[in-house]
Amino acid sequence: MDSRKITPFALGLAILFVVSIVEISAAADYPKVPILMVHGMGGSSSNWSTMISKLKANGYDAQLLYTIDITPNSTLCSESHVTEISNKVDEIVAESGFNRIDVMGHSRGGLNLYDYMRFSNGTSHVRNWISMGGVNNWPCSFNQDPPADPTPGDQTLYTSIYSTADTLVTPSMATIAGARNISVDGVNHLTMPSNAVIITHVLEALQGTGLNDGAGVSKSPSAPTGVRLLSTAN
């Protein structure tokens, strides 16, 4: 009997080992970076408690997770809110040592982050931009014309998640041309940051599945493939 013959069992183990290496390498190639979470009108940083719990369950260090309590006002387009976000991002970058971070916003928080991207050079620091029920198409100008590109920044990936059951923000208000627009059913506006389905989509977007101008952009490091989500249940 030829001792060099590879048995089906041994071959299977070899394939499993190679696949495991590919998946681990892919995940390692798309590192976890700090995340800033921005609440909506009338909300607070406490709205992100469930999201933070699920992010930790999926391997995020608590030191990478940041929230902000936006100064309350009744305006959707708020230049002062954009300034608060810009200052917070600068603080995170300086504190963490990461030059590019991920951001997510709910409702007006999504609009605040979108205005940060469009009017305050947010693209220089944002890797993944994620909106949940964002009022993204509300007309804001801040005395300057919005950029012609609705997904500014060649190295930023955009994901907008909205619900057909949202009675406050319509799909047409949330969707962004060139972004990855995700429709879900049966989720009301206020519960989006804590909803299991929404969180699943957020976790995927954090792995680099967003879009820019309707197609994936060339980015380094590359997004992982075959990465399992550890925990998304409420």
Protein backbone atom coordinates (compact mmCIF):
# COMPACT_ATOMS: atom_id res chain seq x y z
CA MET A 1 0.00 0.00 0.00
CA ASP A 2 1.33 3.42 -0.97
CA SER A 3 1.89 5.35 2.29
CA ARG A 4 1.74 8.60 0.33
CA LYS A 5 -1.90 8.10 -0.62
CA ILE A 6 -4.16 10.82 0.82
CA THR A 7 -7.34 9.45 2.38
CA PRO A 8 -10.67 11.29 1.91
CA PHE A 9 -10.67 12.04 5.65
CA ALA A 10 -7.21 13.60 5.52
CA LEU A 11 -8.15 15.58 2.41
CA GLY A 12 -11.25 16.88 4.16
CA LEU A 13 -9.22 18.02 7.13
CA ALA A 14 -6.76 19.78 4.83
CA ILE A 15 -9.56 21.65 3.02
CA LEU A 16 -11.17 22.65 6.33
CA PHE A 17 -7.80 23.92 7.58
CA VAL A 18 -7.24 26.00 4.43
CA VAL A 19 -10.76 27.46 4.53
CA SER A 20 -10.28 28.37 8.20
CA ILE A 21 -7.05 30.17 7.37
CA VAL A 22 -8.75 32.11 4.54
CA GLU A 23 -11.61 33.20 6.80
CA ILE A 24 -9.34 34.18 9.68
CA SER A 25 -7.02 36.07 7.34
CA ALA A 26 -9.93 37.87 5.70
CA ALA A 27 -11.31 38.96 9.05
CA ALA A 28 -7.87 40.09 10.17
CA ASP A 29 -7.49 42.10 6.98
CA TYR A 30 -10.55 44.21 7.86
CA PRO A 31 -9.82 45.31 11.42
CA LYS A 32 -12.31 46.59 13.92
CA VAL A 33 -11.98 50.34 14.34
CA PRO A 34 -13.65 52.79 16.74
CA ILE A 35 -17.37 53.35 16.22
CA LEU A 36 -19.24 56.59 16.95
CA MET A 37 -23.01 56.27 17.51
CA VAL A 38 -25.23 59.37 17.14
CA HIS A 39 -28.79 59.36 18.51
CA GLY A 40 -31.87 61.00 17.01
CA MET A 41 -34.00 63.96 18.03
CA GLY A 42 -35.20 63.63 21.62
CA GLY A 43 -32.90 60.69 22.19
CA SER A 44 -29.68 60.20 24.12
CA SER A 45 -26.61 58.01 24.20
CA SER A 46 -28.61 55.48 26.27
CA ASN A 47 -30.51 54.54 23.07
CA TRP A 48 -27.45 52.53 22.01
CA SER A 49 -27.27 50.17 25.00
CA THR A 50 -28.57 47.12 23.09
CA MET A 51 -26.42 47.89 20.07
CA ILE A 52 -23.35 48.20 22.29
CA SER A 53 -24.13 44.87 23.94
CA LYS A 54 -24.37 43.13 20.55
CA LEU A 55 -21.18 44.78 19.29
CA LYS A 56 -19.33 43.49 22.34
CA ALA A 57 -20.78 40.01 21.70
CA ASN A 58 -19.31 40.22 18.21
CA GLY A 59 -15.81 40.96 19.38
CA TYR A 60 -15.69 44.73 19.80
CA ASP A 61 -13.69 46.04 22.71
CA ALA A 62 -15.66 48.49 24.85
CA GLN A 63 -12.87 51.01 24.37
CA LEU A 64 -13.68 51.13 20.65
CA LEU A 65 -17.33 52.10 21.23
CA TYR A 66 -18.21 55.78 21.52
CA THR A 67 -21.49 57.66 21.89
CA ILE A 68 -22.34 61.34 22.00
CA ASP A 69 -25.17 63.29 23.64
CA ILE A 70 -26.09 65.91 21.05
CA THR A 71 -27.20 69.27 22.45
CA PRO A 72 -31.02 69.29 22.19
CA ASN A 73 -32.76 71.57 19.72
CA SER A 74 -35.80 71.31 17.46
CA THR A 75 -33.95 71.77 14.15
CA LEU A 76 -33.26 68.97 11.71
CA CYS A 77 -30.47 70.80 9.87
CA SER A 78 -28.15 71.95 12.63
CA GLU A 79 -24.69 73.26 11.87
CA SER A 80 -23.91 73.21 15.59
CA HIS A 81 -24.63 69.46 15.68
CA VAL A 82 -22.26 68.91 12.78
CA THR A 83 -19.61 70.82 14.72
CA GLU A 84 -20.23 68.67 17.81
CA ILE A 85 -19.81 65.52 15.72
CA SER A 86 -16.69 66.83 14.01
CA ASN A 87 -15.13 67.67 17.37
CA LYS A 88 -16.05 64.24 18.74
CA VAL A 89 -14.52 62.45 15.75
CA ASP A 90 -11.32 64.47 16.12
CA GLU A 91 -11.26 63.51 19.80
CA ILE A 92 -11.72 59.81 18.99
CA VAL A 93 -9.00 59.89 16.34
CA ALA A 94 -6.57 61.58 18.72
CA GLU A 95 -7.41 59.29 21.64
CA SER A 96 -7.52 55.97 19.78
CA GLY A 97 -4.74 56.40 17.25
CA PHE A 98 -7.06 55.31 14.41
CA ASN A 99 -7.27 57.81 11.57
CA ARG A 100 -10.45 56.31 10.11
CA ILE A 101 -13.46 55.19 12.14
CA ASP A 102 -16.96 53.84 11.54
CA VAL A 103 -20.07 55.90 12.33
CA MET A 104 -23.76 55.10 12.70
CA GLY A 105 -26.76 57.33 13.30
CA HIS A 106 -30.46 56.95 13.99
CA SER A 107 -33.10 59.31 12.59
CA ARG A 108 -31.79 62.89 12.84
CA GLY A 109 -28.48 61.41 13.95
CA GLY A 110 -28.20 59.90 10.47
CA LEU A 111 -28.82 63.32 8.92
CA ASN A 112 -26.30 64.95 11.28
CA LEU A 113 -23.69 62.40 10.18
CA TYR A 114 -24.62 62.83 6.52
CA ASP A 115 -24.18 66.59 6.86
CA TYR A 116 -20.83 65.94 8.54
CA MET A 117 -19.82 63.93 5.48
CA ARG A 118 -21.06 66.54 3.01
CA PHE A 119 -20.20 69.82 4.69
CA SER A 120 -17.42 69.18 7.20
CA ASN A 121 -14.84 66.92 5.52
CA GLY A 122 -16.12 63.84 7.32
CA THR A 123 -14.94 61.60 4.49
CA SER A 124 -11.34 62.06 5.64
CA HIS A 125 -12.05 60.14 8.85
CA VAL A 126 -15.04 57.85 8.11
CA ARG A 127 -14.62 54.33 6.73
CA ASN A 128 -18.20 52.98 7.06
CA TRP A 129 -21.20 55.34 7.31
CA ILE A 130 -24.43 53.68 8.51
CA SER A 131 -27.88 55.21 8.85
CA MET A 132 -30.99 53.75 10.51
CA GLY A 133 -34.21 55.51 9.61
CA GLY A 134 -32.13 58.57 8.71
CA VAL A 135 -33.76 61.79 7.51
CA ASN A 136 -31.03 61.81 4.91
CA ASN A 137 -32.74 63.72 2.10
CA TRP A 138 -33.89 66.63 4.23
CA PRO A 139 -32.68 69.78 2.42
CA CYS A 140 -29.71 71.22 4.28
CA SER A 141 -27.22 73.76 2.93
CA PHE A 142 -25.38 75.65 5.72
CA ASN A 143 -24.78 78.48 3.21
CA GLN A 144 -23.00 76.14 0.79
CA ASP A 145 -24.24 73.87 -1.94
CA PRO A 146 -24.26 70.14 -1.16
CA PRO A 147 -21.69 68.17 -3.16
CA ALA A 148 -22.89 66.81 -6.49
CA ASP A 149 -21.89 63.30 -5.37
CA PRO A 150 -24.49 61.95 -2.88
CA THR A 151 -21.87 59.51 -1.58
CA PRO A 152 -18.85 61.76 -1.16
CA GLY A 153 -15.40 60.37 -0.48
CA ASP A 154 -14.02 57.56 -2.64
CA GLN A 155 -12.91 55.54 0.39
CA THR A 156 -16.14 55.77 2.43
CA LEU A 157 -18.82 53.07 2.20
CA TYR A 158 -22.46 54.06 2.76
CA THR A 159 -25.35 51.94 4.10
CA SER A 160 -28.86 53.30 4.70
CA ILE A 161 -31.30 51.00 6.50
CA TYR A 162 -34.99 51.93 6.55
CA SER A 163 -38.29 50.27 7.41
CA THR A 164 -41.51 50.06 5.41
CA ALA A 165 -43.32 50.27 8.76
CA ASP A 166 -41.65 53.56 9.70
CA THR A 167 -44.37 56.19 10.03
CA LEU A 168 -41.92 59.05 10.64
CA VAL A 169 -39.26 58.65 7.94
CA THR A 170 -40.31 57.46 4.49
CA PRO A 171 -38.11 55.25 2.29
CA SER A 172 -37.67 58.12 -0.18
CA MET A 173 -36.36 60.30 2.64
CA ALA A 174 -33.92 57.64 3.84
CA THR A 175 -32.50 56.24 0.59
CA ILE A 176 -29.31 57.69 -0.88
CA ALA A 177 -28.32 57.28 -4.53
CA GLY A 178 -25.14 55.23 -4.75
CA ALA A 179 -25.39 53.88 -1.20
CA ARG A 180 -26.40 50.38 -0.18
CA ASN A 181 -30.07 50.92 0.68
CA ILE A 182 -31.63 48.16 2.79
CA SER A 183 -35.39 47.84 3.29
CA VAL A 184 -36.79 45.92 6.26
CA ASP A 185 -40.38 45.20 7.23
CA GLY A 186 -42.27 45.62 10.48
CA VAL A 187 -39.77 47.73 12.44
CA ASN A 188 -41.02 50.99 13.90
CA HIS A 189 -38.90 54.11 13.92
CA LEU A 190 -38.02 54.40 17.59
CA THR A 191 -36.92 50.79 18.10
CA MET A 192 -34.46 50.65 15.20
CA PRO A 193 -31.23 50.91 17.26
CA SER A 194 -32.28 47.93 19.39
CA ASN A 195 -34.00 45.74 16.79
CA ALA A 196 -32.33 42.38 16.04
CA VAL A 197 -32.89 42.57 12.27
CA ILE A 198 -31.48 46.10 12.09
CA ILE A 199 -28.49 45.08 14.22
CA THR A 200 -27.75 42.17 11.87
CA HIS A 201 -27.58 44.59 8.93
CA VAL A 202 -25.41 46.97 10.94
CA LEU A 203 -22.95 44.19 11.79
CA GLU A 204 -22.71 43.31 8.11
CA ALA A 205 -22.18 46.94 7.12
CA LEU A 206 -19.36 47.21 9.66
CA GLN A 207 -17.61 44.44 7.71
CA GLY A 208 -17.44 46.68 4.64
CA THR A 209 -20.57 45.68 2.70
CA GLY A 210 -21.69 49.24 2.03
CA LEU A 211 -21.53 50.89 -1.38
CA ASN A 212 -20.25 54.08 -2.92
CA ASP A 213 -21.76 55.33 -6.20
CA GLY A 214 -23.55 52.05 -6.75
CA ALA A 215 -20.55 49.75 -6.63
CA GLY A 216 -17.98 48.57 -4.16
CA VAL A 217 -14.96 50.85 -4.11
CA SER A 218 -11.37 49.69 -4.05
CA LYS A 219 -10.35 49.87 -0.46
CA SER A 220 -7.54 48.67 1.73
CA PRO A 221 -7.85 46.55 3.73
CA SER A 222 -10.40 44.48 1.83
CA ALA A 223 -13.71 43.39 3.33
CA PRO A 224 -13.83 39.88 4.81
CA THR A 225 -15.76 36.95 3.40
CA GLY A 226 -17.39 34.14 5.32
CA VAL A 227 -17.25 35.89 8.69
CA ARG A 228 -19.90 34.59 11.07
CA LEU A 229 -22.00 36.91 13.21
CA LEU A 230 -21.84 35.64 16.77
CA SER A 231 -24.95 37.07 18.37
CA THR A 232 -27.84 39.14 17.04
CA ALA A 233 -30.87 37.90 18.99
CA ASN A 234 -32.69 40.29 21.31
